[in-house]
């Protein structure tokens, strides 16, 4: 044993404290295992969620850059292709590409539901155009032969399409055979759904995208020398708001439906919102777990220090420097944190790899490969270290301040004083057990606060765990039992006369039919503009209603507007 005031034999000190550390870990093994698992869960969530945020962000940016995702989009009823050069002359626009876009009804073998497809024109020959199509298989369509198309990957998988298969599309009332020449995907349809609020989630069994050579699209839809959709790329110095105003002004005479940027493009919006949500959840949820871990470390270490008060005094009396004693108790917490961090990092990276494959298929990122971010692992070690210091060393500080002789005596009972609460009439009206409870809380406010925070973090974990299920149940209740109470929704490619209502009502099994119309519009209020979908409802609409937000849910709480609504 080293003499007082001298460091002595460091190997002896290390051996002695290492033996004590092993005994402490074994004695408190239940608490250590629980704390380790909690730490591992928090680190695993942080690593997996943060990895997914980085994976989605990087995959999206690389895909957009490599396949030249457009900056502006605009649809028109019908405009001459000569409008392209006129738009290209607007300051801030670097490239304009007119194209033809149309939705058609498909006749797919084996499909039980109605299948629609969005046909998008592409150059007759491969070119470095905007929103280029990445080929997953097959070859670029030959515009000089029979109608060949590129089918979107999700659509092809859902209907088990292969190269050379034939699809039948209803174009202008005629069945047109289409040959699948290739299977591909584009940055414009990373999240492949229809616009206008028709869908919320991708359903490749009922909706897909077909890229068709421009010559074929022109002949099929009688669009010679015309266009109904344009995509544009902006210069880096271009002001998007000013460009949109000028584009709308040029296209107003051709029935322009309002230009919009990437942030309002439906596929980009869904993907970017997912990245933003992951940004928040990757901090919030793991933070709750790590907060509980810090509280558990505080409890375990404070109990250990209280039990070893005399041993701490002996160590200091026999010459162990205070820093070495602090390091010993820091090692107790760091061993727990190190094991939890190692397990959590490994599980988090493994789970992140699985999620990356799911996200890559769901959002259709080509050649997206997950690579572990070792900078993230370094950040994990820092976070875990801070949690251990906050939870473990806070309870050691008071005991280490005592001189050895005083620390060897039992703890002096605390000096109790009457607090300001105890002199109030409210306190005197309480029962004796309640007075003891309130008095202890008032005299130990820091300890009471720490316990409250620990319990609060634990309850937060329960709330977060069940929140998603409750939110989904509420969404289903409002969406399918209050707002939309119809059983079947029929969508038409183009506008039809209102008498179609009576034709549908004569179908067997139909008890009620309501008509509605949806069209995109731009709302303006001074300098602020927002692209929304405007839909009309019948004055006596009962199947599709507008539920007032302040109604609080409930089957009879909806207060539908009699005419219009926006979404």
Protein backbone atom coordinates (compact mmCIF):
# COMPACT_ATOMS: atom_id res chain seq x y z
CA UNK A 1 0.00 0.00 0.00
CA UNK A 2 1.52 3.36 -0.92
CA UNK A 3 2.53 5.74 1.82
CA UNK A 4 0.59 8.97 2.40
CA UNK A 5 1.39 11.85 0.09
CA UNK A 6 3.28 9.64 -2.34
CA UNK A 7 1.94 7.97 -5.48
CA UNK A 8 3.76 4.75 -4.63
CA UNK A 9 3.62 1.77 -6.92
CA UNK A 10 1.17 2.57 -9.71
CA UNK A 11 0.88 -1.06 -10.73
CA UNK A 12 -0.25 -1.94 -7.23
CA UNK A 13 -2.81 0.83 -7.24
CA UNK A 14 -4.16 -0.21 -10.60
CA UNK A 15 -4.36 -3.86 -9.55
CA UNK A 16 -6.17 -2.99 -6.33
CA UNK A 17 -8.67 -0.64 -7.96
CA UNK A 18 -9.20 -3.02 -10.89
CA UNK A 19 -10.12 -5.77 -8.45
CA UNK A 20 -12.50 -3.41 -6.65
CA UNK A 21 -14.04 -2.37 -9.99
CA UNK A 22 -14.71 -5.99 -10.97
CA UNK A 23 -16.36 -6.65 -7.60
CA UNK A 24 -18.51 -3.52 -7.84
CA UNK A 25 -19.66 -4.43 -11.34
CA UNK A 26 -20.59 -7.94 -10.20
CA UNK A 27 -22.32 -6.75 -7.05
CA UNK A 28 -24.43 -4.24 -8.99
CA UNK A 29 -24.80 -6.46 -12.06
CA UNK A 30 -28.59 -6.10 -12.24
CA UNK A 31 -28.46 -2.30 -12.37
CA UNK A 32 -25.44 -2.42 -14.69
CA UNK A 33 -27.21 -4.71 -17.17
CA UNK A 34 -30.37 -2.55 -17.14
CA UNK A 35 -28.34 0.63 -17.68
CA UNK A 36 -26.27 -1.02 -20.41
CA UNK A 37 -29.37 -2.13 -22.31
CA UNK A 38 -30.94 1.32 -22.01
CA UNK A 39 -27.76 2.92 -23.29
CA UNK A 40 -27.55 0.40 -26.14
CA UNK A 41 -31.15 1.14 -27.14
CA UNK A 42 -30.55 4.90 -27.21
CA UNK A 43 -27.29 4.59 -29.17
CA UNK A 44 -28.83 2.09 -31.62
CA UNK A 45 -31.72 4.45 -32.32
CA UNK A 46 -29.41 7.43 -32.75
CA UNK A 47 -27.04 5.59 -35.10
CA UNK A 48 -29.78 4.00 -37.23
CA UNK A 49 -31.97 7.12 -37.52
CA UNK A 50 -29.08 9.48 -38.12
CA UNK A 51 -27.61 7.09 -40.67
CA UNK A 52 -30.93 7.00 -42.49
CA UNK A 53 -31.10 10.78 -42.51
CA UNK A 54 -27.63 10.96 -44.07
CA UNK A 55 -28.39 8.09 -46.46
CA UNK A 56 -31.60 9.67 -47.75
CA UNK A 57 -30.08 13.14 -48.05
CA UNK A 58 -26.97 11.96 -49.90
CA UNK A 59 -28.87 9.52 -52.14
CA UNK A 60 -31.36 12.20 -53.09
CA UNK A 61 -28.67 14.79 -53.87
CA UNK A 62 -26.58 12.35 -55.94
CA UNK A 63 -29.61 11.10 -57.88
CA UNK A 64 -30.83 14.61 -58.64
CA UNK A 65 -27.44 15.75 -59.84
CA UNK A 66 -26.62 12.70 -61.93
CA UNK A 67 -29.99 12.53 -63.69
CA UNK A 68 -30.58 16.29 -63.90
CA UNK A 69 -33.72 16.75 -61.88
CA UNK A 70 -35.56 19.87 -63.06
CA UNK A 71 -35.98 23.01 -60.94
CA UNK A 72 -39.35 24.23 -62.27
CA UNK A 73 -42.47 22.44 -63.50
CA UNK A 74 -45.57 23.78 -65.22
CA UNK A 75 -48.57 22.26 -67.01
CA UNK A 76 -50.69 23.98 -69.67
CA UNK A 77 -53.84 23.00 -71.50
CA UNK A 78 -52.16 23.28 -74.90
CA UNK A 79 -49.35 25.54 -76.07
CA UNK A 80 -47.19 25.71 -79.20
CA UNK A 81 -43.71 24.28 -78.79
CA UNK A 82 -42.37 27.66 -79.87
CA UNK A 83 -43.16 28.87 -76.37
CA UNK A 84 -40.02 27.04 -75.24
CA UNK A 85 -37.51 29.55 -76.67
CA UNK A 86 -39.63 32.39 -75.31
CA UNK A 87 -39.39 30.96 -71.83
CA UNK A 88 -35.69 30.23 -72.22
CA UNK A 89 -35.11 33.95 -72.78
CA UNK A 90 -36.36 34.75 -69.26
CA UNK A 91 -33.41 35.76 -67.03
CA UNK A 92 -32.55 32.98 -64.62
CA UNK A 93 -33.67 30.06 -66.82
CA UNK A 94 -30.87 27.94 -68.29
CA UNK A 95 -32.90 25.22 -70.05
CA UNK A 96 -36.51 24.61 -71.10
CA UNK A 97 -37.87 21.26 -72.30
CA UNK A 98 -41.45 21.01 -73.64
CA UNK A 99 -43.02 17.59 -73.38
CA UNK A 100 -46.36 15.78 -73.47
CA UNK A 101 -47.89 14.26 -70.33
CA UNK A 102 -51.19 12.36 -70.18
CA UNK A 103 -52.89 9.87 -67.92
CA UNK A 104 -54.51 6.82 -69.49
CA UNK A 105 -56.43 3.77 -68.35
CA UNK A 106 -54.47 0.55 -68.68
CA UNK A 107 -55.60 -2.98 -69.45
CA UNK A 108 -53.09 -5.14 -67.55
CA UNK A 109 -53.47 -8.90 -67.51
CA UNK A 110 -54.31 -10.22 -64.05
CA UNK A 111 -55.04 -6.79 -62.51
CA UNK A 112 -58.12 -6.80 -60.26
CA UNK A 113 -58.39 -3.03 -59.82
CA UNK A 114 -58.52 -0.22 -62.34
CA UNK A 115 -54.99 0.64 -63.43
CA UNK A 116 -53.97 4.08 -64.63
CA UNK A 117 -50.63 5.21 -65.93
CA UNK A 118 -48.99 8.56 -66.49
CA UNK A 119 -47.41 8.67 -69.94
CA UNK A 120 -44.47 11.09 -70.17
CA UNK A 121 -42.78 11.88 -73.46
CA UNK A 122 -39.02 11.46 -73.79
CA UNK A 123 -36.70 12.33 -76.70
CA UNK A 124 -36.84 9.92 -79.63
CA UNK A 125 -33.15 9.22 -79.12
CA UNK A 126 -31.17 9.06 -75.86
CA UNK A 127 -30.17 12.57 -74.82
CA UNK A 128 -28.91 14.49 -71.80
CA UNK A 129 -32.36 15.82 -71.06
CA UNK A 130 -33.83 16.89 -67.73
CA UNK A 131 -35.36 14.19 -65.52
CA UNK A 132 -33.42 11.49 -67.35
CA UNK A 133 -34.59 7.91 -66.98
CA UNK A 134 -32.26 5.42 -65.36
CA UNK A 135 -32.60 2.06 -67.14
CA UNK A 136 -32.83 -0.96 -64.85
CA UNK A 137 -33.09 -3.36 -67.77
CA UNK A 138 -33.77 -3.44 -71.50
CA UNK A 139 -32.86 -0.84 -74.09
CA UNK A 140 -34.01 2.65 -75.00
CA UNK A 141 -37.28 2.57 -77.02
CA UNK A 142 -36.98 2.71 -80.80
CA UNK A 143 -39.25 5.54 -81.96
CA UNK A 144 -39.27 4.26 -85.57
CA UNK A 145 -40.89 0.95 -84.68
CA UNK A 146 -44.13 -0.01 -82.97
CA UNK A 147 -45.02 1.84 -79.79
CA UNK A 148 -42.31 0.98 -77.29
CA UNK A 149 -42.21 2.32 -73.74
CA UNK A 150 -40.14 2.33 -70.57
CA UNK A 151 -42.14 1.08 -67.58
CA UNK A 152 -41.35 2.30 -64.09
CA UNK A 153 -39.61 -0.26 -61.91
CA UNK A 154 -42.26 -0.39 -59.18
CA UNK A 155 -45.06 -0.75 -61.74
CA UNK A 156 -43.19 -3.54 -63.52
CA UNK A 157 -42.55 -5.43 -60.28
CA UNK A 158 -46.16 -5.10 -59.14
CA UNK A 159 -47.49 -6.57 -62.39
CA UNK A 160 -44.54 -8.91 -63.07
CA UNK A 161 -43.74 -7.25 -66.37
CA UNK A 162 -40.75 -8.37 -68.41
CA UNK A 163 -38.99 -6.93 -71.41
CA UNK A 164 -41.12 -7.55 -74.49
CA UNK A 165 -44.47 -7.79 -72.68
CA UNK A 166 -47.45 -5.98 -74.16
CA UNK A 167 -49.64 -3.48 -72.34
CA UNK A 168 -52.93 -2.09 -73.63
CA UNK A 169 -53.69 1.57 -73.01
CA UNK A 170 -56.99 3.31 -73.71
CA UNK A 171 -55.90 6.42 -75.64
CA UNK A 172 -58.65 8.73 -76.91
CA UNK A 173 -61.15 5.90 -76.64
CA UNK A 174 -58.98 3.39 -78.53
CA UNK A 175 -56.97 0.46 -77.27
CA UNK A 176 -53.32 0.97 -78.13
CA UNK A 177 -50.78 -1.82 -77.63
CA UNK A 178 -47.54 -0.76 -75.95
CA UNK A 179 -44.41 -2.90 -75.92
CA UNK A 180 -42.23 -2.81 -72.80
CA UNK A 181 -38.77 -2.10 -74.21
CA UNK A 182 -37.13 -1.26 -70.88
CA UNK A 183 -37.70 -0.86 -67.18
CA UNK A 184 -36.46 2.31 -65.50
CA UNK A 185 -36.97 5.08 -63.00
CA UNK A 186 -36.54 8.84 -62.89
CA UNK A 187 -35.81 11.43 -60.18
CA UNK A 188 -39.20 12.95 -60.96
CA UNK A 189 -40.93 9.85 -59.56
CA UNK A 190 -38.81 8.80 -56.59
CA UNK A 191 -42.09 8.70 -54.67
CA UNK A 192 -44.44 7.36 -57.32
CA UNK A 193 -47.96 8.61 -56.66
CA UNK A 194 -50.55 10.62 -58.49
CA UNK A 195 -51.02 14.28 -57.64
CA UNK A 196 -54.16 16.15 -56.67
CA UNK A 197 -54.65 14.27 -53.41
CA UNK A 198 -55.72 11.08 -55.20
CA UNK A 199 -53.15 8.98 -53.33
CA UNK A 200 -51.14 9.27 -50.13
CA UNK A 201 -48.96 6.20 -50.51
CA UNK A 202 -47.48 4.58 -53.62
CA UNK A 203 -49.65 1.79 -55.00
CA UNK A 204 -47.90 0.36 -58.05
CA UNK A 205 -50.75 -2.09 -58.63
CA UNK A 206 -53.06 0.77 -59.60
CA UNK A 207 -50.71 3.49 -60.80
CA UNK A 208 -47.47 3.56 -62.75
CA UNK A 209 -45.38 5.70 -65.06
CA UNK A 210 -44.60 5.00 -68.71
CA UNK A 211 -41.97 6.95 -70.63
CA UNK A 212 -42.87 7.07 -74.32
CA UNK A 213 -40.91 8.47 -77.29
CA UNK A 214 -42.10 11.90 -78.29
CA UNK A 215 -43.06 10.82 -81.81
CA UNK A 216 -45.43 8.19 -80.44
CA UNK A 217 -46.97 10.59 -77.91
CA UNK A 218 -47.46 13.28 -80.54
CA UNK A 219 -49.36 10.91 -82.85
CA UNK A 220 -51.41 9.30 -80.09
CA UNK A 221 -52.67 12.55 -78.56
CA UNK A 222 -52.76 14.75 -81.67
CA UNK A 223 -50.12 17.11 -80.27
CA UNK A 224 -48.14 17.90 -83.40
CA UNK A 225 -46.17 21.09 -82.74
CA UNK A 226 -47.78 21.42 -79.30
CA UNK A 227 -47.02 20.71 -75.67
CA UNK A 228 -48.97 20.49 -72.43
CA UNK A 229 -46.14 20.28 -69.92
CA UNK A 230 -42.73 21.94 -69.52
CA UNK A 231 -39.78 21.38 -67.22
CA UNK A 232 -37.03 23.94 -66.67
CA UNK A 233 -33.60 24.22 -65.10
CA UNK A 234 -32.54 27.44 -63.38
CA UNK A 235 -29.21 29.17 -63.29
CA UNK A 236 -27.50 29.26 -59.92
CA UNK A 237 -28.05 32.99 -59.68
CA UNK A 238 -31.67 32.82 -60.82
CA UNK A 239 -34.42 34.03 -58.48
CA UNK A 240 -37.08 31.33 -58.48
CA UNK A 241 -39.97 33.57 -57.39
CA UNK A 242 -39.29 36.15 -60.09
CA UNK A 243 -38.91 33.42 -62.72
CA UNK A 244 -42.22 31.80 -61.74
CA UNK A 245 -44.05 35.13 -62.07
CA UNK A 246 -42.66 35.67 -65.57
CA UNK A 247 -43.32 32.06 -66.64
CA UNK A 248 -46.96 32.31 -65.50
CA UNK A 249 -47.33 35.57 -67.38
CA UNK A 250 -46.06 33.99 -70.62
CA UNK A 251 -48.20 30.87 -70.31
CA UNK A 252 -51.38 32.56 -69.13
CA UNK A 253 -52.80 32.78 -72.66
CA UNK A 254 -52.17 29.05 -73.17
CA UNK A 255 -54.04 27.92 -70.09
CA UNK A 256 -51.05 27.69 -67.76
CA UNK A 257 -51.90 25.99 -64.47
CA UNK A 258 -49.14 27.73 -62.52
CA UNK A 259 -45.43 27.00 -62.38
CA UNK A 260 -43.95 25.57 -59.20
CA UNK A 261 -40.52 24.66 -57.95
CA UNK A 262 -38.96 21.53 -56.56
CA UNK A 263 -40.24 22.19 -53.07
CA UNK A 264 -43.83 21.74 -54.34
CA UNK A 265 -43.13 18.82 -56.67
CA UNK A 266 -45.00 15.96 -55.04
CA UNK A 267 -42.25 13.32 -55.18
CA UNK A 268 -39.57 15.69 -53.92
CA UNK A 269 -41.88 17.01 -51.22
CA UNK A 270 -42.61 13.58 -49.76
CA UNK A 271 -38.94 12.58 -49.82
CA UNK A 272 -37.73 15.84 -48.31
CA UNK A 273 -40.40 15.70 -45.59
CA UNK A 274 -39.21 12.22 -44.67
CA UNK A 275 -35.64 13.52 -44.37
CA UNK A 276 -36.81 16.42 -42.19
CA UNK A 277 -38.82 14.10 -39.94
CA UNK A 278 -35.83 11.78 -39.57
CA UNK A 279 -33.74 14.82 -38.63
CA UNK A 280 -36.03 15.50 -35.68
CA UNK A 281 -36.69 11.94 -34.53
CA UNK A 282 -32.98 11.06 -34.69
CA UNK A 283 -32.40 13.56 -31.89
CA UNK A 284 -35.63 13.48 -29.89
CA UNK A 285 -36.22 9.76 -29.34
CA UNK A 286 -32.58 8.75 -28.65
CA UNK A 287 -32.31 11.80 -26.38
CA UNK A 288 -35.10 10.42 -24.20
CA UNK A 289 -33.35 7.05 -23.92
CA UNK A 290 -30.03 8.69 -23.07
CA UNK A 291 -31.72 10.91 -20.49
CA UNK A 292 -33.12 7.86 -18.76
CA UNK A 293 -29.67 6.26 -18.95
CA UNK A 294 -28.04 9.26 -17.26
CA UNK A 295 -30.64 9.13 -14.50
CA UNK A 296 -30.08 5.40 -13.97
CA UNK A 297 -26.31 5.94 -13.81
CA UNK A 298 -26.86 8.65 -11.23
CA UNK A 299 -28.94 6.34 -9.05
CA UNK A 300 -26.52 3.42 -9.30
CA UNK A 301 -23.41 5.51 -8.68
CA UNK A 302 -24.94 7.49 -5.82
CA UNK A 303 -25.94 4.23 -4.14
CA UNK A 304 -22.43 2.88 -4.67
CA UNK A 305 -20.79 6.02 -3.27
CA UNK A 306 -23.09 6.10 -0.23
CA UNK A 307 -22.26 2.46 0.52
CA UNK A 308 -18.51 3.03 0.05
CA UNK A 309 -18.15 6.31 1.89
CA UNK A 310 -15.65 4.82 4.36
CA UNK A 311 -13.71 3.05 1.60
CA UNK A 312 -13.31 6.35 -0.23
CA UNK A 313 -11.92 7.87 2.98
CA UNK A 314 -9.48 4.95 3.40
CA UNK A 315 -8.23 5.29 -0.17
CA UNK A 316 -7.59 8.99 0.32
CA UNK A 317 -6.00 8.42 3.75
CA UNK A 318 -3.54 5.88 2.32
CA UNK A 319 -2.32 8.28 -0.33
CA UNK A 320 -4.54 7.68 -3.32
CA UNK A 321 -4.91 11.06 -4.99
CA UNK A 322 -8.41 12.40 -5.43
CA UNK A 323 -8.01 12.31 -9.22
CA UNK A 324 -7.32 8.56 -9.10
CA UNK A 325 -10.37 7.93 -6.94
CA UNK A 326 -12.48 10.00 -9.34
CA UNK A 327 -11.05 8.02 -12.24
CA UNK A 328 -12.01 4.76 -10.51
CA UNK A 329 -15.68 5.75 -10.24
CA UNK A 330 -15.56 7.20 -13.73
CA UNK A 331 -14.37 3.78 -14.92
CA UNK A 332 -17.43 2.19 -13.29
CA UNK A 333 -19.74 4.34 -15.40
CA UNK A 334 -17.52 4.21 -18.50
CA UNK A 335 -17.44 0.41 -18.49
CA UNK A 336 -21.23 0.38 -18.47
CA UNK A 337 -21.39 3.04 -21.17
CA UNK A 338 -18.66 1.42 -23.27
CA UNK A 339 -20.47 -1.92 -23.37
CA UNK A 340 -23.79 -0.22 -24.16
CA UNK A 341 -22.19 1.98 -26.81
CA UNK A 342 -20.47 -0.97 -28.49
CA UNK A 343 -23.65 -3.01 -28.59
CA UNK A 344 -25.77 -0.02 -29.64
CA UNK A 345 -23.39 1.07 -32.41
CA UNK A 346 -23.20 -2.42 -33.86
CA UNK A 347 -26.95 -2.97 -33.72
CA UNK A 348 -27.59 0.54 -35.06
CA UNK A 349 -25.31 0.08 -38.08
CA UNK A 350 -26.78 -3.36 -38.79
CA UNK A 351 -30.33 -2.04 -38.58
CA UNK A 352 -29.40 1.01 -40.67
CA UNK A 353 -28.19 -1.31 -43.43
CA UNK A 354 -31.54 -3.11 -43.42
CA UNK A 355 -33.48 0.18 -43.43
CA UNK A 356 -31.34 1.50 -46.28
CA UNK A 357 -32.49 -1.39 -48.48
CA UNK A 358 -36.13 -0.72 -47.59
CA UNK A 359 -35.81 3.03 -48.21
CA UNK A 360 -33.97 2.47 -51.51
CA UNK A 361 -36.84 0.30 -52.80
CA UNK A 362 -39.60 2.48 -51.40
CA UNK A 363 -38.13 5.74 -52.74
CA UNK A 364 -36.61 4.10 -55.83
CA UNK A 365 -33.05 5.39 -55.56
CA UNK A 366 -30.86 3.65 -58.17
CA UNK A 367 -27.48 2.29 -57.14
CA UNK A 368 -27.98 3.55 -53.57
CA UNK A 369 -25.41 1.85 -51.35
CA UNK A 370 -25.25 2.32 -47.60
CA UNK A 371 -21.83 3.16 -46.20
CA UNK A 372 -21.29 3.50 -42.43
CA UNK A 373 -20.46 7.07 -41.43
CA UNK A 374 -17.56 6.82 -38.99
CA UNK A 375 -17.92 10.47 -38.10
CA UNK A 376 -21.30 9.50 -36.73
CA UNK A 377 -19.64 6.78 -34.64
CA UNK A 378 -17.30 9.43 -33.19
CA UNK A 379 -20.27 11.65 -32.33
CA UNK A 380 -21.88 8.64 -30.65
CA UNK A 381 -18.86 8.14 -28.40
CA UNK A 382 -18.95 11.81 -27.38
CA UNK A 383 -22.68 11.67 -26.57
CA UNK A 384 -22.30 8.47 -24.58
CA UNK A 385 -19.36 9.93 -22.66
CA UNK A 386 -21.35 13.03 -21.74
CA UNK A 387 -24.24 10.90 -20.53
CA UNK A 388 -21.91 8.90 -18.31
CA UNK A 389 -20.29 12.01 -16.85
CA UNK A 390 -23.61 13.69 -16.15
CA UNK A 391 -25.09 10.60 -14.56
CA UNK A 392 -22.11 9.12 -12.76
CA UNK A 393 -19.75 11.79 -11.52
CA UNK A 394 -22.46 14.08 -10.16
CA UNK A 395 -23.03 11.68 -7.29
CA UNK A 396 -19.29 11.27 -6.54
CA UNK A 397 -18.46 14.94 -6.21
CA UNK A 398 -19.83 15.49 -2.69
CA UNK A 399 -18.10 12.45 -1.17
CA UNK A 400 -14.72 13.34 -2.69
CA UNK A 401 -14.76 16.81 -1.15
CA UNK A 402 -14.71 15.45 2.42
CA UNK A 403 -11.45 15.08 4.36
CA UNK A 404 -10.56 11.41 5.06
CA UNK A 405 -11.19 11.67 8.82
CA UNK A 406 -14.67 13.15 8.35
CA UNK A 407 -15.55 10.78 5.53
CA UNK A 408 -14.80 7.77 7.77
CA UNK A 409 -17.54 8.82 10.20
CA UNK A 410 -21.18 8.15 9.41
CA UNK A 411 -22.87 10.96 7.46
CA UNK A 412 -23.93 13.88 9.64
CA UNK A 413 -27.70 14.16 9.71
CA UNK A 414 -28.80 17.10 7.61
CA UNK A 415 -29.72 20.32 9.42
CA UNK A 416 -33.44 20.69 8.93
CA UNK A 417 -35.00 24.11 8.89
CA UNK A 418 -38.54 25.18 8.46
CA UNK A 419 -39.16 26.20 4.90
CA UNK A 420 -41.45 28.96 3.78
CA UNK A 421 -44.07 26.38 2.83
CA UNK A 422 -44.32 24.97 6.35
CA UNK A 423 -45.54 28.26 7.80
CA UNK A 424 -48.55 28.52 5.52
CA UNK A 425 -52.07 27.61 6.47
CA UNK A 426 -52.23 25.32 3.47
CA UNK A 427 -49.39 23.20 4.86
CA UNK A 428 -50.97 22.97 8.34
CA UNK A 429 -54.20 21.69 6.80
CA UNK A 430 -52.45 18.64 5.35
CA UNK A 431 -52.41 15.23 7.00
CA UNK A 432 -49.22 14.09 8.76
CA UNK A 433 -48.04 11.68 6.01
CA UNK A 434 -48.60 14.36 3.38
CA UNK A 435 -46.65 16.89 5.47
CA UNK A 436 -43.67 14.52 5.63
CA UNK A 437 -43.81 14.08 1.86
CA UNK A 438 -44.01 17.80 1.09
CA UNK A 439 -41.29 18.59 3.68
CA UNK A 440 -38.85 16.09 2.15
CA UNK A 441 -39.48 17.44 -1.34
CA UNK A 442 -38.93 21.03 -0.22
CA UNK A 443 -35.73 20.23 1.69
CA UNK A 444 -34.15 18.22 -1.15
CA UNK A 445 -35.21 20.12 -4.26
CA UNK A 446 -32.33 18.91 -6.48
CA UNK A 447 -32.89 15.27 -5.64
CA UNK A 448 -36.63 15.70 -6.12
CA UNK A 449 -36.04 17.38 -9.48
CA UNK A 450 -33.71 14.59 -10.63
CA UNK A 451 -36.27 11.94 -9.65
CA UNK A 452 -39.02 13.88 -11.42
CA UNK A 453 -36.96 14.15 -14.59
CA UNK A 454 -36.17 10.43 -14.50
CA UNK A 455 -39.83 9.50 -14.11
CA UNK A 456 -40.74 12.03 -16.78
CA UNK A 457 -38.27 10.53 -19.27
CA UNK A 458 -39.62 7.07 -18.54
CA UNK A 459 -43.20 8.18 -19.19
CA UNK A 460 -42.03 9.97 -22.33
CA UNK A 461 -40.68 6.66 -23.66
CA UNK A 462 -44.09 5.07 -23.16
CA UNK A 463 -45.86 7.98 -24.85
CA UNK A 464 -43.47 7.99 -27.82
CA UNK A 465 -43.81 4.24 -28.22
CA UNK A 466 -47.60 4.40 -28.46
CA UNK A 467 -47.90 7.73 -30.25
CA UNK A 468 -47.54 6.32 -33.76
CA UNK A 469 -50.33 3.78 -33.23
CA UNK A 470 -52.67 6.40 -31.76
CA UNK A 471 -51.88 8.86 -34.56
CA UNK A 472 -52.62 6.27 -37.26
CA UNK A 473 -55.88 5.29 -35.58
CA UNK A 474 -56.94 8.93 -35.43
CA UNK A 475 -56.02 9.52 -39.07
CA UNK A 476 -58.04 6.48 -40.14
CA UNK A 477 -61.00 7.59 -38.06
CA UNK A 478 -61.06 11.12 -39.46
CA UNK A 479 -60.16 10.23 -43.05
CA UNK A 480 -62.36 7.19 -43.63
CA UNK A 481 -65.24 7.60 -41.17
CA UNK A 482 -65.75 11.36 -40.94
CA UNK A 483 -64.27 13.16 -43.95
CA UNK A 484 -64.57 10.51 -46.71
CA UNK A 485 -67.38 8.04 -46.12
CA UNK A 486 -67.58 6.70 -49.67
CA UNK A 487 -66.83 3.09 -50.60
CA UNK A 488 -65.59 3.61 -54.16
CA UNK A 489 -64.00 6.61 -55.85
CA UNK A 490 -64.05 6.88 -59.64
CA UNK A 491 -61.48 9.13 -61.34
CA UNK A 492 -61.66 10.25 -64.96
CA UNK A 493 -58.77 11.12 -67.23
CA UNK A 494 -60.60 14.22 -68.51
CA UNK A 495 -63.71 16.27 -67.64
CA UNK A 496 -67.08 14.63 -68.29
CA UNK A 497 -70.63 16.05 -68.29
CA UNK A 498 -72.53 15.93 -65.01
CA UNK A 499 -75.00 13.38 -66.41
CA UNK A 500 -72.39 10.71 -65.71
CA UNK A 501 -73.74 10.83 -62.16
CA UNK A 502 -77.01 9.23 -63.26
CA UNK A 503 -75.19 6.59 -65.32
CA UNK A 504 -73.14 5.58 -62.30
CA UNK A 505 -76.22 5.59 -60.05
CA UNK A 506 -77.86 2.94 -62.29
CA UNK A 507 -75.03 0.47 -61.67
CA UNK A 508 -76.02 -2.54 -59.51
CA UNK A 509 -75.28 -2.03 -55.83
CA UNK A 510 -74.82 1.76 -56.01
CA UNK A 511 -76.95 3.63 -53.46
CA UNK A 512 -75.56 7.17 -53.74
CA UNK A 513 -73.32 9.13 -56.11
CA UNK A 514 -71.70 12.51 -55.53
CA UNK A 515 -69.66 14.48 -58.04
CA UNK A 516 -66.54 16.51 -57.35
CA UNK A 517 -63.84 18.22 -59.36
CA UNK A 518 -60.20 18.82 -58.46
CA UNK A 519 -57.84 21.29 -60.07
CA UNK A 520 -54.49 22.81 -59.02
CA UNK A 521 -54.52 26.54 -58.20
CA UNK A 522 -52.09 29.06 -56.73
CA UNK A 523 -53.22 31.22 -53.83
CA UNK A 524 -51.57 34.62 -53.37
CA UNK A 525 -51.55 37.01 -50.41
CA UNK A 526 -49.17 39.85 -51.11
CA UNK A 527 -45.69 38.41 -51.68
CA UNK A 528 -46.69 34.95 -50.39
CA UNK A 529 -47.91 32.31 -52.85
CA UNK A 530 -48.84 28.66 -52.29
CA UNK A 531 -49.80 25.91 -54.72
CA UNK A 532 -52.84 23.93 -53.52
CA UNK A 533 -55.50 21.62 -54.89
CA UNK A 534 -58.99 23.14 -55.18
CA UNK A 535 -61.86 20.68 -55.11
CA UNK A 536 -65.58 21.33 -55.41
CA UNK A 537 -68.32 19.50 -53.55
CA UNK A 538 -72.07 19.29 -54.00
CA UNK A 539 -74.11 21.56 -51.65
CA UNK A 540 -75.69 18.49 -50.04
CA UNK A 541 -72.50 16.41 -49.96
CA UNK A 542 -72.58 13.68 -47.33
CA UNK A 543 -70.08 11.15 -48.65
CA UNK A 544 -67.11 13.52 -48.82
CA UNK A 545 -67.13 16.27 -46.21
CA UNK A 546 -64.83 18.95 -44.83
CA UNK A 547 -64.32 18.19 -41.14
CA UNK A 548 -63.72 21.28 -39.03
CA UNK A 549 -60.35 21.07 -37.19
CA UNK A 550 -61.79 22.46 -33.97
CA UNK A 551 -64.46 19.76 -33.84
CA UNK A 552 -62.16 17.47 -31.84
CA UNK A 553 -62.93 14.24 -33.72
CA UNK A 554 -66.07 12.19 -32.99
CA UNK A 555 -68.49 10.71 -35.47
CA UNK A 556 -70.83 13.69 -35.67
CA UNK A 557 -68.31 16.48 -35.33
CA UNK A 558 -67.73 17.20 -39.01
CA UNK A 559 -69.10 20.47 -40.30
CA UNK A 560 -68.82 20.29 -44.09
CA UNK A 561 -68.58 23.45 -46.19
CA UNK A 562 -71.42 23.36 -48.71
CA UNK A 563 -69.38 24.24 -51.79
CA UNK A 564 -65.60 24.19 -51.90
CA UNK A 565 -62.51 23.25 -49.95
CA UNK A 566 -58.77 23.25 -50.45
CA UNK A 567 -56.21 20.63 -49.60
